Amino acid sequence: MSLFSWLPTGPSEADVRSEVWKLGVRHLGEPLDGALAELKAGDLSAERAQLLHACVRQMKKSRPT
């Protein structure tokens, strides 16, 4: 058994892509703003917050500069 095998792995890339799409639908084509607003609103489970943080990281990483 690996030392890290018991650690949660976080959301998969597919989970993040799916959530970004859903955020875009819920927030009128602005998934990054939507994710940030949902994080700011609080009252999230740890898993939901982790997924939203992963979405924010992905969108910031792929955003044109």
PDB file of N, CA and C in Angstrom:
ATOM      1  N   MET A   1       0.855  -1.179   0.000  1.00  0.00           N
ATOM      2  CA  MET A   1       0.000   0.000   0.000  1.00  0.00           C
ATOM      3  C   MET A   1       0.896   1.236   0.000  1.00  0.00           C
ATOM      4  N   SER A   2       0.622   2.124  -0.918  1.00  0.00           N
ATOM      5  CA  SER A   2       1.381   3.361  -1.042  1.00  0.00           C
ATOM      6  C   SER A   2       1.003   4.331   0.078  1.00  0.00           C
ATOM      7  N   LEU A   3       1.946   5.153   0.430  1.00  0.00           N
ATOM      8  CA  LEU A   3       1.699   6.169   1.452  1.00  0.00           C
ATOM      9  C   LEU A   3       0.546   7.083   1.056  1.00  0.00           C
ATOM     10  N   PHE A   4       0.430   7.392  -0.235  1.00  0.00           N
ATOM     11  CA  PHE A   4      -0.586   8.338  -0.694  1.00  0.00           C
ATOM     12  C   PHE A   4      -1.862   7.675  -1.186  1.00  0.00           C
ATOM     13  N   SER A   5      -1.953   6.375  -1.136  1.00  0.00           N
ATOM     14  CA  SER A   5      -3.130   5.686  -1.674  1.00  0.00           C
ATOM     15  C   SER A   5      -4.403   5.998  -0.890  1.00  0.00           C
ATOM     16  N   TRP A   6      -4.271   6.406   0.363  1.00  0.00           N
ATOM     17  CA  TRP A   6      -5.444   6.693   1.170  1.00  0.00           C
ATOM     18  C   TRP A   6      -5.912   8.134   1.035  1.00  0.00           C
ATOM     19  N   LEU A   7      -5.121   8.994   0.387  1.00  0.00           N
ATOM     20  CA  LEU A   7      -5.506  10.392   0.224  1.00  0.00           C
ATOM     21  C   LEU A   7      -6.559  10.548  -0.861  1.00  0.00           C
ATOM     22  N   PRO A   8      -7.506  11.442  -0.667  1.00  0.00           N
ATOM     23  CA  PRO A   8      -8.470  11.698  -1.739  1.00  0.00           C
ATOM     24  C   PRO A   8      -7.752  12.304  -2.947  1.00  0.00           C
ATOM     25  N   THR A   9      -8.171  11.907  -4.130  1.00  0.00           N
ATOM     26  CA  THR A   9      -7.482  12.349  -5.338  1.00  0.00           C
ATOM     27  C   THR A   9      -8.054  13.636  -5.905  1.00  0.00           C
ATOM     28  N   GLY A  10      -9.205  14.039  -5.471  1.00  0.00           N
ATOM     29  CA  GLY A  10      -9.819  15.242  -6.008  1.00  0.00           C
ATOM     30  C   GLY A  10     -10.627  14.927  -7.253  1.00  0.00           C
ATOM     31  N   PRO A  11     -11.225  15.950  -7.821  1.00  0.00           N
ATOM     32  CA  PRO A  11     -12.087  15.734  -8.983  1.00  0.00           C
ATOM     33  C   PRO A  11     -11.270  15.359 -10.222  1.00  0.00           C
ATOM     34  N   SER A  12     -11.863  14.537 -11.069  1.00  0.00           N
ATOM     35  CA  SER A  12     -11.211  14.149 -12.314  1.00  0.00           C
ATOM     36  C   SER A  12     -11.325  15.282 -13.328  1.00  0.00           C
ATOM     37  N   GLU A  13     -10.543  15.186 -14.396  1.00  0.00           N
ATOM     38  CA  GLU A  13     -10.625  16.197 -15.457  1.00  0.00           C
ATOM     39  C   GLU A  13     -12.020  16.224 -16.062  1.00  0.00           C
ATOM     40  N   ALA A  14     -12.630  15.065 -16.201  1.00  0.00           N
ATOM     41  CA  ALA A  14     -13.989  14.997 -16.748  1.00  0.00           C
ATOM     42  C   ALA A  14     -14.984  15.688 -15.820  1.00  0.00           C
ATOM     43  N   ASP A  15     -14.818  15.504 -14.504  1.00  0.00           N
ATOM     44  CA  ASP A  15     -15.695  16.178 -13.539  1.00  0.00           C
ATOM     45  C   ASP A  15     -15.553  17.694 -13.656  1.00  0.00           C
ATOM     46  N   VAL A  16     -14.327  18.155 -13.812  1.00  0.00           N
ATOM     47  CA  VAL A  16     -14.081  19.593 -13.915  1.00  0.00           C
ATOM     48  C   VAL A  16     -14.689  20.143 -15.200  1.00  0.00           C
ATOM     49  N   ARG A  17     -14.471  19.470 -16.318  1.00  0.00           N
ATOM     50  CA  ARG A  17     -15.055  19.932 -17.596  1.00  0.00           C
ATOM     51  C   ARG A  17     -16.569  19.998 -17.512  1.00  0.00           C
ATOM     52  N   SER A  18     -17.162  18.969 -16.932  1.00  0.00           N
ATOM     53  CA  SER A  18     -18.612  18.921 -16.796  1.00  0.00           C
ATOM     54  C   SER A  18     -19.125  20.064 -15.921  1.00  0.00           C
ATOM     55  N   GLU A  19     -18.442  20.307 -14.820  1.00  0.00           N
ATOM     56  CA  GLU A  19     -18.872  21.372 -13.909  1.00  0.00           C
ATOM     57  C   GLU A  19     -18.684  22.748 -14.530  1.00  0.00           C
ATOM     58  N   VAL A  20     -17.614  22.947 -15.286  1.00  0.00           N
ATOM     59  CA  VAL A  20     -17.409  24.238 -15.968  1.00  0.00           C
ATOM     60  C   VAL A  20     -18.576  24.487 -16.923  1.00  0.00           C
ATOM     61  N   TRP A  21     -18.977  23.460 -17.650  1.00  0.00           N
ATOM     62  CA  TRP A  21     -20.108  23.608 -18.573  1.00  0.00           C
ATOM     63  C   TRP A  21     -21.368  23.970 -17.794  1.00  0.00           C
ATOM     64  N   LYS A  22     -21.632  23.276 -16.690  1.00  0.00           N
ATOM     65  CA  LYS A  22     -22.823  23.552 -15.882  1.00  0.00           C
ATOM     66  C   LYS A  22     -22.779  24.961 -15.288  1.00  0.00           C
ATOM     67  N   LEU A  23     -21.592  25.393 -14.863  1.00  0.00           N
ATOM     68  CA  LEU A  23     -21.445  26.754 -14.343  1.00  0.00           C
ATOM     69  C   LEU A  23     -21.775  27.779 -15.418  1.00  0.00           C
ATOM     70  N   GLY A  24     -21.319  27.523 -16.642  1.00  0.00           N
ATOM     71  CA  GLY A  24     -21.617  28.424 -17.743  1.00  0.00           C
ATOM     72  C   GLY A  24     -23.112  28.540 -18.002  1.00  0.00           C
ATOM     73  N   VAL A  25     -23.807  27.409 -17.907  1.00  0.00           N
ATOM     74  CA  VAL A  25     -25.259  27.410 -18.108  1.00  0.00           C
ATOM     75  C   VAL A  25     -25.945  28.180 -16.976  1.00  0.00           C
ATOM     76  N   ARG A  26     -25.552  27.885 -15.735  1.00  0.00           N
ATOM     77  CA  ARG A  26     -26.192  28.529 -14.581  1.00  0.00           C
ATOM     78  C   ARG A  26     -25.894  30.013 -14.489  1.00  0.00           C
ATOM     79  N   HIS A  27     -24.720  30.413 -14.969  1.00  0.00           N
ATOM     80  CA  HIS A  27     -24.281  31.800 -14.785  1.00  0.00           C
ATOM     81  C   HIS A  27     -24.170  32.543 -16.121  1.00  0.00           C
ATOM     82  N   LEU A  28     -25.046  32.199 -17.031  1.00  0.00           N
ATOM     83  CA  LEU A  28     -25.222  32.932 -18.287  1.00  0.00           C
ATOM     84  C   LEU A  28     -23.923  33.116 -19.081  1.00  0.00           C
ATOM     85  N   GLY A  29     -23.189  32.016 -19.244  1.00  0.00           N
ATOM     86  CA  GLY A  29     -21.980  32.050 -20.060  1.00  0.00           C
ATOM     87  C   GLY A  29     -20.743  32.571 -19.352  1.00  0.00           C
ATOM     88  N   GLU A  30     -20.801  32.751 -18.071  1.00  0.00           N
ATOM     89  CA  GLU A  30     -19.667  33.254 -17.288  1.00  0.00           C
ATOM     90  C   GLU A  30     -19.292  32.239 -16.198  1.00  0.00           C
ATOM     91  N   PRO A  31     -18.706  31.116 -16.598  1.00  0.00           N
ATOM     92  CA  PRO A  31     -18.434  30.070 -15.598  1.00  0.00           C
ATOM     93  C   PRO A  31     -17.422  30.478 -14.536  1.00  0.00           C
ATOM     94  N   LEU A  32     -16.408  31.244 -14.895  1.00  0.00           N
ATOM     95  CA  LEU A  32     -15.414  31.647 -13.899  1.00  0.00           C
ATOM     96  C   LEU A  32     -16.047  32.555 -12.849  1.00  0.00           C
ATOM     97  N   ASP A  33     -16.774  33.556 -13.297  1.00  0.00           N
ATOM     98  CA  ASP A  33     -17.457  34.444 -12.351  1.00  0.00           C
ATOM     99  C   ASP A  33     -18.452  33.664 -11.493  1.00  0.00           C
ATOM    100  N   GLY A  34     -19.122  32.710 -12.111  1.00  0.00           N
ATOM    101  CA  GLY A  34     -20.081  31.888 -11.379  1.00  0.00           C
ATOM    102  C   GLY A  34     -19.426  31.041 -10.308  1.00  0.00           C
ATOM    103  N   ALA A  35     -18.309  30.421 -10.652  1.00  0.00           N
ATOM    104  CA  ALA A  35     -17.594  29.591  -9.677  1.00  0.00           C
ATOM    105  C   ALA A  35     -17.110  30.443  -8.507  1.00  0.00           C
ATOM    106  N   LEU A  36     -16.572  31.602  -8.819  1.00  0.00           N
ATOM    107  CA  LEU A  36     -16.092  32.485  -7.755  1.00  0.00           C
ATOM    108  C   LEU A  36     -17.237  32.960  -6.873  1.00  0.00           C
ATOM    109  N   ALA A  37     -18.371  33.256  -7.476  1.00  0.00           N
ATOM    110  CA  ALA A  37     -19.539  33.701  -6.701  1.00  0.00           C
ATOM    111  C   ALA A  37     -20.044  32.578  -5.806  1.00  0.00           C
ATOM    112  N   GLU A  38     -20.080  31.348  -6.326  1.00  0.00           N
ATOM    113  CA  GLU A  38     -20.543  30.227  -5.511  1.00  0.00           C
ATOM    114  C   GLU A  38     -19.588  29.957  -4.356  1.00  0.00           C
ATOM    115  N   LEU A  39     -18.292  30.081  -4.607  1.00  0.00           N
ATOM    116  CA  LEU A  39     -17.320  29.902  -3.525  1.00  0.00           C
ATOM    117  C   LEU A  39     -17.475  30.995  -2.469  1.00  0.00           C
ATOM    118  N   LYS A  40     -17.692  32.213  -2.921  1.00  0.00           N
ATOM    119  CA  LYS A  40     -17.838  33.338  -1.996  1.00  0.00           C
ATOM    120  C   LYS A  40     -19.104  33.202  -1.145  1.00  0.00           C
ATOM    121  N   ALA A  41     -20.153  32.641  -1.747  1.00  0.00           N
ATOM    122  CA  ALA A  41     -21.417  32.485  -1.035  1.00  0.00           C
ATOM    123  C   ALA A  41     -21.295  31.508   0.125  1.00  0.00           C
ATOM    124  N   GLY A  42     -20.353  30.586   0.027  1.00  0.00           N
ATOM    125  CA  GLY A  42     -20.127  29.639   1.118  1.00  0.00           C
ATOM    126  C   GLY A  42     -21.198  28.580   1.194  1.00  0.00           C
ATOM    127  N   ASP A  43     -21.331  27.977   2.374  1.00  0.00           N
ATOM    128  CA  ASP A  43     -22.298  26.912   2.637  1.00  0.00           C
ATOM    129  C   ASP A  43     -22.150  25.767   1.639  1.00  0.00           C
ATOM    130  N   LEU A  44     -20.906  25.338   1.406  1.00  0.00           N
ATOM    131  CA  LEU A  44     -20.617  24.262   0.457  1.00  0.00           C
ATOM    132  C   LEU A  44     -20.026  23.075   1.200  1.00  0.00           C
ATOM    133  N   SER A  45     -20.267  21.898   0.652  1.00  0.00           N
ATOM    134  CA  SER A  45     -19.581  20.727   1.190  1.00  0.00           C
ATOM    135  C   SER A  45     -18.107  20.825   0.797  1.00  0.00           C
ATOM    136  N   ALA A  46     -17.275  20.075   1.464  1.00  0.00           N
ATOM    137  CA  ALA A  46     -15.848  20.081   1.148  1.00  0.00           C
ATOM    138  C   ALA A  46     -15.614  19.602  -0.284  1.00  0.00           C
ATOM    139  N   GLU A  47     -16.372  18.607  -0.718  1.00  0.00           N
ATOM    140  CA  GLU A  47     -16.209  18.079  -2.069  1.00  0.00           C
ATOM    141  C   GLU A  47     -16.610  19.122  -3.119  1.00  0.00           C
ATOM    142  N   ARG A  48     -17.705  19.821  -2.870  1.00  0.00           N
ATOM    143  CA  ARG A  48     -18.172  20.850  -3.814  1.00  0.00           C
ATOM    144  C   ARG A  48     -17.161  21.995  -3.884  1.00  0.00           C
ATOM    145  N   ALA A  49     -16.654  22.419  -2.754  1.00  0.00           N
ATOM    146  CA  ALA A  49     -15.658  23.490  -2.736  1.00  0.00           C
ATOM    147  C   ALA A  49     -14.394  23.058  -3.480  1.00  0.00           C
ATOM    148  N   GLN A  50     -13.980  21.820  -3.296  1.00  0.00           N
ATOM    149  CA  GLN A  50     -12.799  21.303  -3.987  1.00  0.00           C
ATOM    150  C   GLN A  50     -13.028  21.301  -5.494  1.00  0.00           C
ATOM    151  N   LEU A  51     -14.221  20.893  -5.928  1.00  0.00           N
ATOM    152  CA  LEU A  51     -14.547  20.882  -7.352  1.00  0.00           C
ATOM    153  C   LEU A  51     -14.547  22.302  -7.914  1.00  0.00           C
ATOM    154  N   LEU A  52     -15.144  23.235  -7.206  1.00  0.00           N
ATOM    155  CA  LEU A  52     -15.175  24.618  -7.684  1.00  0.00           C
ATOM    156  C   LEU A  52     -13.771  25.220  -7.751  1.00  0.00           C
ATOM    157  N   HIS A  53     -12.933  24.923  -6.773  1.00  0.00           N
ATOM    158  CA  HIS A  53     -11.547  25.409  -6.806  1.00  0.00           C
ATOM    159  C   HIS A  53     -10.803  24.822  -8.002  1.00  0.00           C
ATOM    160  N   ALA A  54     -11.041  23.551  -8.289  1.00  0.00           N
ATOM    161  CA  ALA A  54     -10.405  22.920  -9.447  1.00  0.00           C
ATOM    162  C   ALA A  54     -10.888  23.575 -10.746  1.00  0.00           C
ATOM    163  N   CYS A  55     -12.161  23.919 -10.807  1.00  0.00           N
ATOM    164  CA  CYS A  55     -12.702  24.604 -11.987  1.00  0.00           C
ATOM    165  C   CYS A  55     -12.044  25.975 -12.156  1.00  0.00           C
ATOM    166  N   VAL A  56     -11.929  26.711 -11.071  1.00  0.00           N
ATOM    167  CA  VAL A  56     -11.306  28.041 -11.133  1.00  0.00           C
ATOM    168  C   VAL A  56      -9.869  27.926 -11.620  1.00  0.00           C
ATOM    169  N   ARG A  57      -9.113  26.971 -11.060  1.00  0.00           N
ATOM    170  CA  ARG A  57      -7.720  26.780 -11.497  1.00  0.00           C
ATOM    171  C   ARG A  57      -7.651  26.465 -12.984  1.00  0.00           C
ATOM    172  N   GLN A  58      -8.520  25.565 -13.439  1.00  0.00           N
ATOM    173  CA  GLN A  58      -8.516  25.173 -14.848  1.00  0.00           C
ATOM    174  C   GLN A  58      -8.869  26.351 -15.750  1.00  0.00           C
ATOM    175  N   MET A  59      -9.889  27.108 -15.374  1.00  0.00           N
ATOM    176  CA  MET A  59     -10.309  28.233 -16.220  1.00  0.00           C
ATOM    177  C   MET A  59      -9.257  29.329 -16.238  1.00  0.00           C
ATOM    178  N   LYS A  60      -8.612  29.595 -15.116  1.00  0.00           N
ATOM    179  CA  LYS A  60      -7.553  30.616 -15.084  1.00  0.00           C
ATOM    180  C   LYS A  60      -6.350  30.160 -15.894  1.00  0.00           C
ATOM    181  N   LYS A  61      -6.050  28.870 -15.856  1.00  0.00           N
ATOM    182  CA  LYS A  61      -4.917  28.325 -16.586  1.00  0.00           C
ATOM    183  C   LYS A  61      -5.149  28.384 -18.098  1.00  0.00           C
ATOM    184  N   SER A  62      -6.371  28.147 -18.537  1.00  0.00           N
ATOM    185  CA  SER A  62      -6.650  28.101 -19.959  1.00  0.00           C
ATOM    186  C   SER A  62      -7.159  29.415 -20.524  1.00  0.00           C
ATOM    187  N   ARG A  63      -7.280  30.424 -19.682  1.00  0.00           N
ATOM    188  CA  ARG A  63      -7.781  31.735 -20.121  1.00  0.00           C
ATOM    189  C   ARG A  63      -6.715  32.433 -20.964  1.00  0.00           C
ATOM    190  N   PRO A  64      -7.108  32.996 -22.111  1.00  0.00           N
ATOM    191  CA  PRO A  64      -6.136  33.741 -22.911  1.00  0.00           C
ATOM    192  C   PRO A  64      -5.678  35.003 -22.178  1.00  0.00           C
ATOM    193  N   THR A  65      -4.413  35.325 -22.325  1.00  0.00           N
ATOM    194  CA  THR A  65      -3.881  36.511 -21.648  1.00  0.00           C
ATOM    195  C   THR A  65      -3.653  37.641 -22.597  1.00  0.00           C
TER     196      THR A  65
END
